[in-house]
Protein backbone atom coordinates (compact mmCIF):
# COMPACT_ATOMS: atom_id res chain seq x y z
CA MET A 1 223.54 25.80 -1.27
CA ASP A 2 226.60 24.54 0.70
CA HIS A 3 229.12 27.21 0.55
CA ARG A 4 231.92 24.52 0.04
CA LEU A 5 230.09 23.45 -3.19
CA PHE A 6 229.83 27.07 -4.21
CA ASP A 7 233.60 27.55 -3.74
CA ALA A 8 234.40 24.45 -5.56
CA ALA A 9 232.24 25.75 -8.57
CA GLN A 10 233.68 29.14 -8.62
CA ALA A 11 237.26 27.75 -8.47
CA GLY A 12 236.48 25.04 -10.96
CA ASP A 13 237.92 22.40 -8.61
CA ILE A 14 236.47 18.92 -9.83
CA GLU A 15 238.44 16.99 -7.06
CA ALA A 16 236.78 19.06 -4.38
CA LEU A 17 233.40 18.30 -5.95
CA TYR A 18 234.00 14.62 -5.75
CA ASN A 19 235.30 14.84 -2.24
CA LEU A 20 232.08 16.66 -1.23
CA ILE A 21 229.96 13.94 -2.99
CA GLN A 22 231.81 11.28 -1.01
CA GLN A 23 231.08 13.04 2.26
CA ASP A 24 227.29 13.57 1.25
CA PRO A 25 225.97 11.54 -1.73
CA PHE A 26 222.75 13.67 -1.69
CA ILE A 27 224.56 17.08 -1.84
CA LEU A 28 223.54 17.60 -5.41
CA SER A 29 219.95 16.40 -4.87
CA LYS A 30 219.47 18.73 -2.05
CA VAL A 31 220.37 21.56 -4.36
CA ASP A 32 217.93 20.32 -7.07
CA GLN A 33 214.98 20.27 -4.58
CA VAL A 34 215.06 24.09 -4.29
CA PRO A 35 212.85 25.76 -7.00
CA PHE A 36 214.80 28.79 -7.88
CA LEU A 37 218.53 28.68 -6.97
CA GLU A 38 221.90 29.54 -8.12
CA THR A 39 223.16 25.92 -8.74
CA PRO A 40 226.83 24.91 -9.11
CA LEU A 41 226.32 25.01 -12.90
CA HIS A 42 225.22 28.60 -12.74
CA VAL A 43 228.23 29.43 -10.69
CA ALA A 44 230.65 27.69 -12.87
CA ILE A 45 229.39 29.25 -15.97
CA SER A 46 229.52 32.77 -14.49
CA ALA A 47 232.94 32.06 -13.34
CA ASN A 48 234.02 30.78 -16.88
CA GLN A 49 234.77 27.37 -15.41
CA THR A 50 233.73 25.32 -18.52
CA ARG A 51 235.37 22.04 -17.44
CA PHE A 52 233.75 22.19 -14.11
CA ALA A 53 230.43 23.13 -15.60
CA LYS A 54 230.57 20.08 -18.20
CA GLU A 55 231.27 17.76 -15.19
CA ILE A 56 228.47 19.00 -13.05
CA ALA A 57 226.05 18.85 -16.00
CA SER A 58 226.81 15.26 -16.70
CA LEU A 59 226.33 14.38 -12.88
CA GLN A 60 223.10 16.28 -12.54
CA PRO A 61 221.50 16.98 -16.01
CA SER A 62 218.45 18.46 -14.33
CA PHE A 63 220.54 21.56 -13.35
CA ALA A 64 220.45 22.55 -16.98
CA LYS A 65 216.67 23.40 -16.78
CA LYS A 66 216.71 25.14 -13.46
CA LEU A 67 216.33 28.93 -13.23
CA ASN A 68 218.13 30.90 -10.68
CA GLN A 69 216.66 33.57 -8.49
CA TYR A 70 217.14 36.09 -11.39
CA GLY A 71 215.16 34.02 -13.80
CA ASN A 72 218.11 32.71 -15.77
CA SER A 73 218.91 29.15 -16.79
CA PRO A 74 222.56 28.05 -17.31
CA LEU A 75 222.00 28.20 -20.98
CA HIS A 76 220.81 31.87 -20.68
CA LEU A 77 223.99 32.60 -18.75
CA ALA A 78 226.26 30.91 -21.34
CA SER A 79 224.60 32.62 -24.19
CA MET A 80 224.99 36.12 -22.64
CA ALA A 81 228.60 35.24 -21.96
CA GLY A 82 229.21 33.97 -25.43
CA ASP A 83 230.61 30.68 -24.17
CA VAL A 84 230.21 28.69 -27.35
CA GLU A 85 231.70 25.51 -25.87
CA MET A 86 229.32 25.59 -22.98
CA VAL A 87 226.41 26.20 -25.22
CA LYS A 88 227.28 23.09 -27.27
CA GLU A 89 227.53 20.97 -24.10
CA LEU A 90 224.14 22.10 -22.76
CA GLN A 91 222.61 21.45 -26.21
CA THR A 92 223.73 17.79 -25.84
CA ILE A 93 221.71 17.38 -22.88
CA ASP A 94 218.47 18.48 -24.27
CA GLN A 95 217.88 20.21 -27.78
CA ASN A 96 214.77 21.81 -26.37
CA LEU A 97 216.71 23.85 -23.86
CA CYS A 98 216.94 26.71 -26.43
CA LEU A 99 213.12 27.13 -26.07
CA LEU A 100 213.36 27.39 -22.18
CA LYS A 101 211.84 30.56 -21.13
CA GLY A 102 213.32 32.63 -18.22
CA ARG A 103 212.91 36.20 -16.95
CA GLU A 104 210.14 37.97 -18.94
CA LYS A 105 209.82 34.82 -21.09
CA ARG A 106 213.13 35.41 -22.70
CA THR A 107 214.87 32.34 -24.35
CA PRO A 108 218.70 32.02 -24.81
CA LEU A 109 218.35 33.35 -28.20
CA HIS A 110 216.75 36.54 -26.88
CA CYS A 111 219.76 37.05 -24.52
CA ALA A 112 222.21 36.16 -27.21
CA ALA A 113 220.55 38.82 -29.54
CA MET A 114 220.66 41.51 -26.64
CA VAL A 115 224.42 41.29 -26.24
CA GLY A 116 225.21 40.54 -30.03
CA LYS A 117 226.78 36.99 -29.59
CA THR A 118 226.60 35.89 -33.26
CA ASP A 119 228.50 32.59 -32.60
CA VAL A 120 225.87 31.64 -30.02
CA ILE A 121 223.02 32.78 -32.35
CA ASN A 122 224.20 30.33 -34.99
CA LEU A 123 224.57 27.46 -32.50
CA LEU A 124 221.05 28.07 -31.08
CA LEU A 125 219.38 28.42 -34.42
CA ASN A 126 221.26 25.43 -35.76
CA GLY A 127 219.81 23.26 -32.93
CA CYS A 128 216.30 24.59 -32.93
CA HIS A 129 215.43 27.12 -35.63
CA LYS A 130 212.01 27.65 -34.27
CA CYS A 131 213.12 29.68 -31.33
CA ILE A 132 213.54 32.68 -33.74
CA LEU A 133 209.69 32.91 -33.57
CA GLU A 134 209.46 32.98 -29.76
CA LEU A 135 208.09 36.16 -28.10
CA THR A 136 208.81 37.74 -24.59
CA THR A 137 206.18 39.00 -22.38
CA ARG A 138 206.57 42.39 -24.12
CA LYS A 139 205.79 40.46 -27.53
CA GLU A 140 209.34 41.09 -28.62
CA THR A 141 211.34 38.75 -30.97
CA ALA A 142 214.98 38.33 -31.07
CA LEU A 143 214.99 40.92 -33.89
CA HIS A 144 213.27 43.41 -31.63
CA LEU A 145 215.92 42.99 -28.83
CA ALA A 146 218.66 43.22 -31.45
CA VAL A 147 217.38 46.47 -32.78
CA LYS A 148 216.69 47.92 -29.16
CA ASN A 149 220.10 47.20 -28.13
CA ASN A 150 221.65 48.31 -31.45
CA GLN A 151 223.25 44.96 -32.33
CA LEU A 152 223.63 45.41 -36.09
CA GLU A 153 225.55 42.22 -36.84
CA ALA A 154 223.26 40.17 -34.64
CA PHE A 155 220.27 41.65 -36.63
CA LYS A 156 221.79 41.01 -39.96
CA LEU A 157 222.46 37.35 -38.94
CA LEU A 158 218.94 36.84 -37.75
CA LEU A 159 217.59 38.19 -40.95
CA GLU A 160 219.64 35.62 -42.92
CA TRP A 161 218.52 32.91 -40.55
CA LEU A 162 214.92 34.06 -40.86
CA LYS A 163 215.03 33.37 -44.67
CA LYS A 164 217.08 30.11 -44.07
CA CYS A 165 214.67 28.66 -41.48
CA TYR A 166 211.61 28.76 -43.64
CA GLU A 167 213.39 27.21 -46.49
CA ILE A 168 214.46 24.43 -44.36
CA GLU A 169 210.89 24.02 -42.97
CA ILE A 170 209.08 24.30 -46.29
CA GLY A 171 211.71 22.08 -47.98
CA ALA A 172 211.14 19.37 -45.33
CA SER A 173 207.37 19.54 -45.77
CA ALA A 174 207.76 19.23 -49.61
CA PHE A 175 210.15 16.28 -49.07
CA THR A 176 207.48 14.55 -46.96
CA PHE A 177 204.83 15.08 -49.68
CA ALA A 178 207.39 13.48 -52.22
CA VAL A 179 208.07 10.58 -49.98
CA GLU A 180 204.22 9.95 -49.65
CA SER A 181 203.82 9.99 -53.34
CA VAL A 182 206.64 7.45 -53.79
CA LYS A 183 205.03 5.34 -51.13
CA LEU A 184 201.85 5.21 -53.07
CA VAL A 185 203.48 4.43 -56.43
CA SER A 186 205.25 1.43 -54.93
CA LEU A 187 202.08 0.50 -53.08
CA GLY A 188 200.13 0.51 -56.33
CA GLY A 189 202.74 -1.67 -58.10
CA ARG A 190 202.49 -4.25 -55.16
CA VAL A 191 198.78 -4.24 -55.05
CA LYS A 192 198.56 -4.93 -58.82
CA THR A 193 201.20 -7.76 -58.59
CA ASN A 194 199.60 -9.47 -55.57
CA LYS A 195 195.95 -8.73 -56.80
CA LEU A 196 194.90 -7.75 -53.38
CA PHE A 197 192.36 -5.37 -55.09
CA ASN A 198 189.77 -5.84 -57.78
CA LYS A 199 189.97 -3.66 -60.85
CA ASP A 200 187.76 -0.88 -59.35
CA GLU A 201 189.72 -0.77 -56.07
CA PHE A 202 193.06 -0.64 -58.00
CA GLU A 203 191.83 2.22 -60.01
CA GLY A 204 190.77 4.02 -56.86
CA VAL A 205 194.33 3.64 -55.45
CA MET A 206 195.81 5.16 -58.54
CA TYR A 207 193.16 7.89 -58.55
CA SER A 208 194.18 8.81 -54.90
CA HIS A 209 197.76 8.73 -56.00
CA ALA A 210 197.07 11.32 -58.80
CA PHE A 211 195.58 13.57 -56.08
CA ASP A 212 198.66 13.37 -54.09
CA LYS A 213 200.79 14.19 -57.13
CA ARG A 214 198.67 17.31 -57.42
CA GLU A 215 199.23 18.28 -54.06
CA VAL A 216 203.05 18.14 -54.57
CA GLU A 217 202.68 20.29 -57.62
CA GLY A 218 200.37 22.67 -55.93
CA TYR A 219 202.78 22.90 -52.85
CA ALA A 220 205.59 23.77 -55.07
CA ARG A 221 203.65 26.54 -56.67
CA ILE A 222 202.85 28.18 -53.45
CA LYS A 223 206.14 27.67 -51.77
CA ASP A 224 207.49 31.05 -52.44
CA GLY A 225 204.10 32.63 -51.23
CA LEU A 226 204.35 30.63 -47.92
CA GLN A 227 207.88 31.79 -47.37
CA LYS A 228 206.85 35.43 -48.06
CA ILE A 229 203.83 35.37 -45.65
CA LYS A 230 205.69 33.59 -42.75
CA ARG A 231 208.76 35.86 -42.96
CA GLU A 232 206.45 39.07 -43.08
CA GLU A 233 204.70 37.91 -39.92
CA VAL A 234 208.01 37.94 -38.03
CA LEU A 235 209.44 41.13 -39.67
CA ASN A 236 206.19 43.13 -39.26
CA TRP A 237 205.47 41.76 -35.80
CA LYS A 238 204.45 44.46 -33.19
CA ASP A 239 205.64 44.56 -29.66
CA ASP A 240 203.34 45.50 -26.66
CA GLU A 241 203.61 49.11 -27.66
CA GLY A 242 202.63 48.45 -31.29
CA ASN A 243 206.15 49.15 -32.70
CA THR A 244 207.49 47.11 -35.54
CA LEU A 245 211.27 46.65 -36.21
CA LEU A 246 211.02 49.71 -38.67
CA HIS A 247 209.46 51.84 -35.77
CA LEU A 248 212.24 51.05 -33.44
CA ALA A 249 215.09 51.57 -36.04
CA THR A 250 213.63 54.90 -37.01
CA LYS A 251 213.13 55.97 -33.51
CA ASN A 252 216.84 55.11 -32.68
CA LYS A 253 217.90 56.60 -36.03
CA GLN A 254 219.67 53.34 -36.92
CA LEU A 255 220.49 53.95 -40.46
CA GLU A 256 222.52 50.66 -41.05
CA ILE A 257 219.61 48.55 -39.53
CA ILE A 258 217.08 50.19 -41.76
CA LYS A 259 219.34 49.57 -44.95
CA ALA A 260 219.60 45.93 -43.70
CA LEU A 261 215.87 45.60 -43.35
CA PHE A 262 214.93 46.97 -46.68
CA GLY A 263 218.10 45.26 -48.37
CA SER A 264 216.76 42.06 -47.46
CA ILE A 265 213.78 42.47 -49.86
CA PRO A 266 215.25 41.63 -53.18
CA ALA A 267 216.90 38.33 -51.84
CA SER A 268 214.01 36.94 -49.70
CA GLY A 269 210.98 38.46 -51.38
CA THR A 270 209.63 39.78 -47.96
CA LYS A 271 207.56 42.95 -47.86
CA VAL A 272 208.00 45.13 -44.88
CA GLU A 273 204.93 47.10 -43.94
CA VAL A 274 206.39 50.56 -44.34
CA ASN A 275 203.16 52.41 -43.24
CA ALA A 276 202.29 50.23 -40.13
CA ILE A 277 200.76 52.21 -37.31
CA ASN A 278 202.05 51.78 -33.66
CA GLY A 279 200.15 52.20 -30.41
CA ASN A 280 200.50 56.03 -30.56
CA ASN A 281 198.87 56.08 -34.12
CA LEU A 282 202.38 56.93 -35.80
CA THR A 283 203.89 55.51 -38.79
CA ALA A 284 207.78 55.28 -39.15
CA LEU A 285 207.81 58.51 -41.08
CA ASP A 286 205.77 60.28 -38.40
CA ILE A 287 208.38 59.09 -35.76
CA LEU A 288 211.26 60.46 -37.87
CA LEU A 289 209.62 63.86 -38.58
CA ASP A 290 209.01 64.29 -34.85
CA LEU A 291 212.61 63.78 -33.90
CA PRO A 292 215.14 66.64 -33.79
CA ARG A 293 216.83 66.77 -37.24
CA GLU A 294 220.37 65.59 -37.82
CA LYS A 295 222.55 64.88 -40.85
CA GLU A 296 221.62 61.28 -41.26
CA ASP A 297 217.85 62.04 -40.94
CA GLN A 298 217.64 63.06 -44.62
CA GLU A 299 219.04 59.83 -45.81
CA ILE A 300 216.64 57.79 -43.63
CA GLU A 301 213.82 60.06 -44.90
CA ASN A 302 214.81 59.33 -48.53
CA ILE A 303 214.92 55.59 -47.93
CA LEU A 304 211.47 55.59 -46.20
CA ARG A 305 209.85 57.85 -48.96
CA GLY A 306 211.54 55.73 -51.63
CA VAL A 307 209.63 52.61 -50.55
CA GLY A 308 206.33 54.54 -50.17
CA ALA A 309 206.28 55.72 -46.60
CA VAL A 310 203.60 58.17 -45.64
CA THR A 311 202.38 59.86 -42.35
CA ALA A 312 199.33 58.45 -40.70
CA ASN A 313 197.24 61.42 -41.84
CA GLN A 314 197.87 60.38 -45.54
CA ILE A 315 196.71 56.80 -45.01
CA ILE A 316 193.52 56.10 -46.79
CA ILE A 317 191.54 53.33 -45.12
CA VAL A 318 189.63 51.19 -47.62
CA PRO A 319 186.39 49.57 -46.18
CA PRO A 320 186.22 45.91 -46.56
CA PRO A 321 184.05 44.32 -49.29
CA PRO A 322 180.70 43.31 -48.38
CA PRO A 323 180.11 39.71 -47.48
CA ALA A 324 179.04 37.55 -50.55
CA ALA A 325 175.36 36.45 -50.37
CA THR A 326 174.72 32.73 -49.65
CA THR A 327 171.73 32.44 -51.82
CA MET A 328 171.99 34.68 -54.95
CA SER A 329 174.53 37.13 -56.02
CA ASN A 330 173.49 40.63 -54.76
CA LYS A 331 172.66 43.11 -57.40
CA THR A 332 172.36 46.67 -56.29
CA PHE A 333 171.13 50.02 -57.74
CA GLU A 334 173.36 52.94 -57.36
CA ILE A 335 171.26 55.99 -56.46
CA ILE A 336 172.83 59.44 -56.49
CA GLY A 337 172.75 61.07 -53.01
CA ARG A 338 171.97 57.93 -51.18
CA PRO A 339 174.61 56.56 -48.99
CA SER A 340 173.84 52.85 -49.19
CA PRO A 341 172.58 50.76 -52.13
CA ILE A 342 169.43 48.79 -52.30
CA ASP A 343 169.71 45.11 -51.93
CA THR A 344 167.23 43.87 -54.72
CA SER A 345 167.20 40.23 -53.62
CA LYS A 346 165.83 41.15 -50.12
CA GLY A 347 163.51 43.59 -51.75
CA LEU A 348 162.30 41.05 -54.22
CA LEU A 349 161.61 38.54 -51.45
CA ILE A 350 159.43 41.04 -49.60
CA GLY A 351 157.58 42.04 -52.60
CA ALA A 352 156.84 38.30 -53.51
CA ILE A 353 155.56 37.76 -49.98
CA LEU A 354 153.26 40.77 -50.06
CA ILE A 355 151.85 39.81 -53.41
CA ALA A 356 151.18 36.25 -52.09
CA MET A 357 149.28 37.66 -49.28
CA ALA A 358 147.12 40.02 -51.37
CA CYS A 359 146.32 37.32 -53.75
CA PHE A 360 145.32 34.89 -51.00
CA LEU A 361 143.02 37.49 -49.37
CA THR A 362 141.36 38.68 -52.54
CA GLY A 363 140.92 35.19 -53.87
CA LEU A 364 139.14 33.95 -50.73
CA TYR A 365 137.30 37.31 -50.11
CA PRO A 366 136.53 38.51 -53.62
CA PRO A 367 135.09 41.98 -54.36
CA GLY A 368 131.37 42.07 -53.75
CA GLY A 369 131.67 39.38 -50.95
CA VAL A 370 129.66 36.04 -50.89
CA TRP A 371 126.08 35.18 -50.60
CA LEU A 372 124.86 34.89 -47.10
CA GLU A 373 121.88 32.53 -47.85
CA ASP A 374 120.77 30.05 -50.33
CA TYR A 375 118.14 31.35 -53.00
CA LYS A 376 116.06 29.34 -55.56
CA PRO A 377 113.46 31.00 -57.74
CA ALA A 378 109.80 30.11 -57.01
CA GLY A 379 108.77 29.74 -60.61
CA TYR A 380 110.38 28.98 -63.94
CA ASN A 381 109.32 32.44 -65.29
CA ASN A 382 111.25 34.43 -62.67
CA THR A 383 114.38 35.78 -64.29
CA THR A 384 115.17 38.77 -62.16
CA THR A 385 117.41 36.83 -59.74
CA THR A 386 119.39 33.67 -60.54
CA GLU A 387 119.74 30.81 -58.38
CA HIS A 388 122.66 31.15 -55.79
CA LYS A 389 124.11 29.18 -52.83
CA ALA A 390 125.28 30.54 -49.44
CA GLY A 391 129.02 31.02 -49.32
CA THR A 392 129.62 31.39 -53.02
CA ALA A 393 131.13 34.55 -54.55
CA ILE A 394 128.56 37.12 -55.73
CA MET A 395 130.76 38.30 -58.64
CA ALA A 396 130.92 34.62 -60.02
CA LYS A 397 127.82 35.27 -62.15
CA SER A 398 129.48 38.06 -64.16
CA PHE A 399 132.01 37.43 -67.05
CA ILE A 400 134.64 39.55 -65.45
CA SER A 401 135.00 36.90 -62.72
CA VAL A 402 136.79 34.65 -65.24
CA LEU A 403 139.60 37.07 -65.89
CA PHE A 404 139.81 37.93 -62.11
CA MET A 405 140.21 34.35 -61.17
CA PHE A 406 142.87 33.56 -63.70
CA ALA A 407 144.93 36.74 -62.82
CA ASN A 408 144.67 35.94 -59.11
CA ILE A 409 145.72 32.37 -59.43
CA TYR A 410 148.58 33.19 -61.72
CA CYS A 411 149.88 35.96 -59.31
CA PHE A 412 149.53 33.74 -56.41
CA PHE A 413 151.65 30.90 -57.80
CA ALA A 414 154.18 33.23 -59.41
CA SER A 415 154.82 34.73 -56.10
CA LEU A 416 155.28 31.46 -54.37
CA PHE A 417 157.70 30.13 -57.12
CA THR A 418 159.59 33.42 -56.72
CA ILE A 419 159.97 32.80 -52.90
CA SER A 420 161.11 29.35 -53.34
CA LEU A 421 163.86 30.54 -55.82
CA LEU A 422 165.09 33.21 -53.42
CA ALA A 423 165.27 30.58 -50.58
CA LYS A 424 167.80 28.42 -52.61
CA GLY A 425 170.81 27.61 -50.56
CA SER A 426 169.16 27.95 -47.12
CA PRO A 427 169.30 25.02 -44.76
CA LEU A 428 165.50 25.39 -44.11
CA ARG A 429 164.39 25.50 -47.72
CA GLY A 430 162.84 22.08 -47.61
CA LEU A 431 160.60 23.11 -44.61
CA LEU A 432 159.69 26.35 -46.47
CA LEU A 433 158.60 24.33 -49.70
CA PHE A 434 156.35 22.13 -47.58
CA ALA A 435 154.76 25.25 -46.02
CA LEU A 436 154.26 26.78 -49.48
CA ALA A 437 152.62 23.60 -50.70
CA ALA A 438 150.37 23.42 -47.74
CA LEU A 439 149.41 27.07 -48.35
CA SER A 440 148.64 26.29 -52.02
CA VAL A 441 146.25 23.46 -51.08
CA ALA A 442 144.50 25.74 -48.49
CA TYR A 443 144.18 28.48 -51.18
CA LEU A 444 142.65 26.11 -53.86
CA LEU A 445 140.32 24.43 -51.34
CA GLY A 446 139.00 27.91 -50.36
CA LEU A 447 138.57 28.92 -54.04
CA ALA A 448 136.65 25.51 -54.62
CA VAL A 449 134.23 26.44 -51.73
CA ILE A 450 133.36 29.89 -52.94
CA THR A 451 133.03 28.95 -56.68
CA PRO A 452 129.56 27.91 -57.80
CA ASP A 453 129.27 24.35 -59.17
CA GLU A 454 128.73 25.56 -62.77
CA LYS A 455 132.05 27.56 -62.66
CA PHE A 456 134.11 24.84 -61.15
CA PRO A 457 135.36 23.36 -64.38
CA SER A 458 136.64 26.98 -65.33
CA LEU A 459 138.48 27.03 -62.04
CA LEU A 460 140.06 23.54 -62.55
CA ILE A 461 141.20 24.70 -66.11
CA PHE A 462 142.84 27.87 -64.72
CA PHE A 463 144.61 25.85 -61.94
CA LEU A 464 146.02 23.18 -64.36
CA THR A 465 147.23 25.96 -66.82
CA VAL A 466 148.96 27.88 -64.12
CA LEU A 467 150.43 24.59 -62.52
CA ALA A 468 151.87 23.48 -65.77
CA THR A 469 153.65 26.93 -66.10
CA PHE A 470 155.54 26.64 -62.90
CA THR A 471 155.72 22.98 -62.14
CA PHE A 472 158.04 22.15 -65.17
CA PRO A 473 161.08 24.31 -63.92
CA LEU A 474 160.57 23.12 -60.42
CA VAL A 475 160.70 19.51 -61.46
CA LEU A 476 163.99 20.19 -63.53
CA GLU A 477 165.54 21.85 -60.50
CA ALA A 478 164.58 19.17 -58.19
CA ARG A 479 165.95 16.56 -60.46
CA ALA A 480 169.21 18.36 -60.89
CA HIS A 481 169.55 18.78 -57.18
CA CYS A 482 168.97 15.05 -56.39
CA ARG A 483 171.43 14.05 -59.09
CA ASN A 484 174.23 16.31 -57.76
CA LYS A 485 173.50 15.08 -54.12
CA ARG A 486 173.68 11.47 -55.21
CA LYS A 487 176.99 12.08 -57.20
CA GLY A 488 178.41 13.90 -54.18
CA SER A 489 177.66 11.14 -51.73
CA GLN A 490 178.93 8.46 -54.19
CA ALA A 491 182.24 10.33 -54.57
CA THR A 492 182.64 10.79 -50.92
CA GLY A 493 182.00 7.27 -50.27
CA ASP A 494 184.55 6.12 -52.91
CA GLU A 495 187.04 8.36 -51.52
CA ASP A 496 186.49 7.13 -47.92
CA ARG A 497 186.78 3.61 -49.07
CA VAL A 498 190.14 4.16 -50.94
CA LYS A 499 191.51 6.01 -47.86
CA ALA A 500 190.49 3.13 -45.54
CA ARG A 501 191.94 0.51 -47.77
CA LEU A 502 195.22 2.51 -48.09
CA GLU A 503 195.56 2.81 -44.47
CA GLN A 504 194.95 -0.90 -43.93
CA ILE A 505 197.51 -1.89 -46.34
CA ILE A 506 200.06 0.62 -45.01
CA HIS A 507 199.58 -0.77 -41.40
CA HIS A 508 199.89 -4.40 -42.74
CA GLY A 509 202.57 -3.69 -45.21
CA ALA A 510 204.40 -6.91 -44.15
CA LYS A 511 201.61 -9.10 -45.63
CA ILE A 512 202.09 -7.41 -49.13
């Protein structure tokens, strides 16, 4: 940078500035071309030349976003210096300057919190309250830096702003919901007046409006919960060493900051994680007990123990609950001396598969086997051996075969029915049901082959009896499934049509 421009900025000589511009109209543009440089705006702010800084900022607004070789923008410097007037001036150039990140990703709010400039903190948060959530490269919030630099008043102010910011944000969201509901009410009246919808469409509009009203009411109910959750995320945020605000305040024995931290609970409903563990596996109480004892330590210890603080060795880790089953509710047996329970749904599925396999094999390969050749007695008086056909079951001639066939068929279809129920909820259940149906057909065809002709009517009666037992519940279930699916698709279609029609009317509101 031209040394004459530097001298004019340091002296605050506006007249000299314009003389230099008359001599070289590109003098400020040349400075702007350098990526990292101490611009005249930086120099004027550092020299507390506010009038000159305002002038140069109006002539070259891009200087407001430029970082010097130390990683600071003009707003960073003004924030550290506590120059309220200059901060206001820079904010008029661009409100987003408060989110500009400099060295170690620090924002101007971080810089103001480090030096405790409460007036600047108020200005920055008034301009952009979201900057209170910004983190440095060390994962520090403005509250972390206030604690590390022992800035009690800045810390208290940030706590109040933390509560106020989320009230503003949630209030604005609730207001948006309310405005949308009012729009729909007005829209419904206009639609009815102009008869743009038929009766069913108009009822759909009012139905949609009812949903919006419930959303507003639901939003109001969870408003306090949202505030609590978001504030806790900031108050309990850990830096790169895993330290929360409570860890840092306890380590530095900052009694007043600890009081302010816990004193915010009744007003804001925020819950500080008293027993959070840092990167060294220490709680706040562990840190305090490891430090040399002093007079104020007892009061800090009393505060911590009063809110339930314990050491890391006293924390009981509760394992997370097992995930819920997607098909059926898992029922378990508790067995003394066994570390893990038995999942009955999986065991039942395996058992049903094994039973189906056993019935299939014993049905097609009955005890005693099958005849290997055809036989027909030579004379009518031969009664020692009855007529038989190759491939038919040997035991079919005995009475016990009737009971065997009925039991086998019943167990086979009962196991298939159990498998189909346990697969409920699976995306591949339809494919499985087709496979089970094919297996049933193959099984019945096999039984028909090995059953003698005179025994075939008995087999048919057994099959129809078993089929009637298990088909009725399956038909009822399939009917209920189809009905629910049809209702769901119809409701989805109605909702999509209502939303599409509403968007069309909103975008063409001038025609209404």
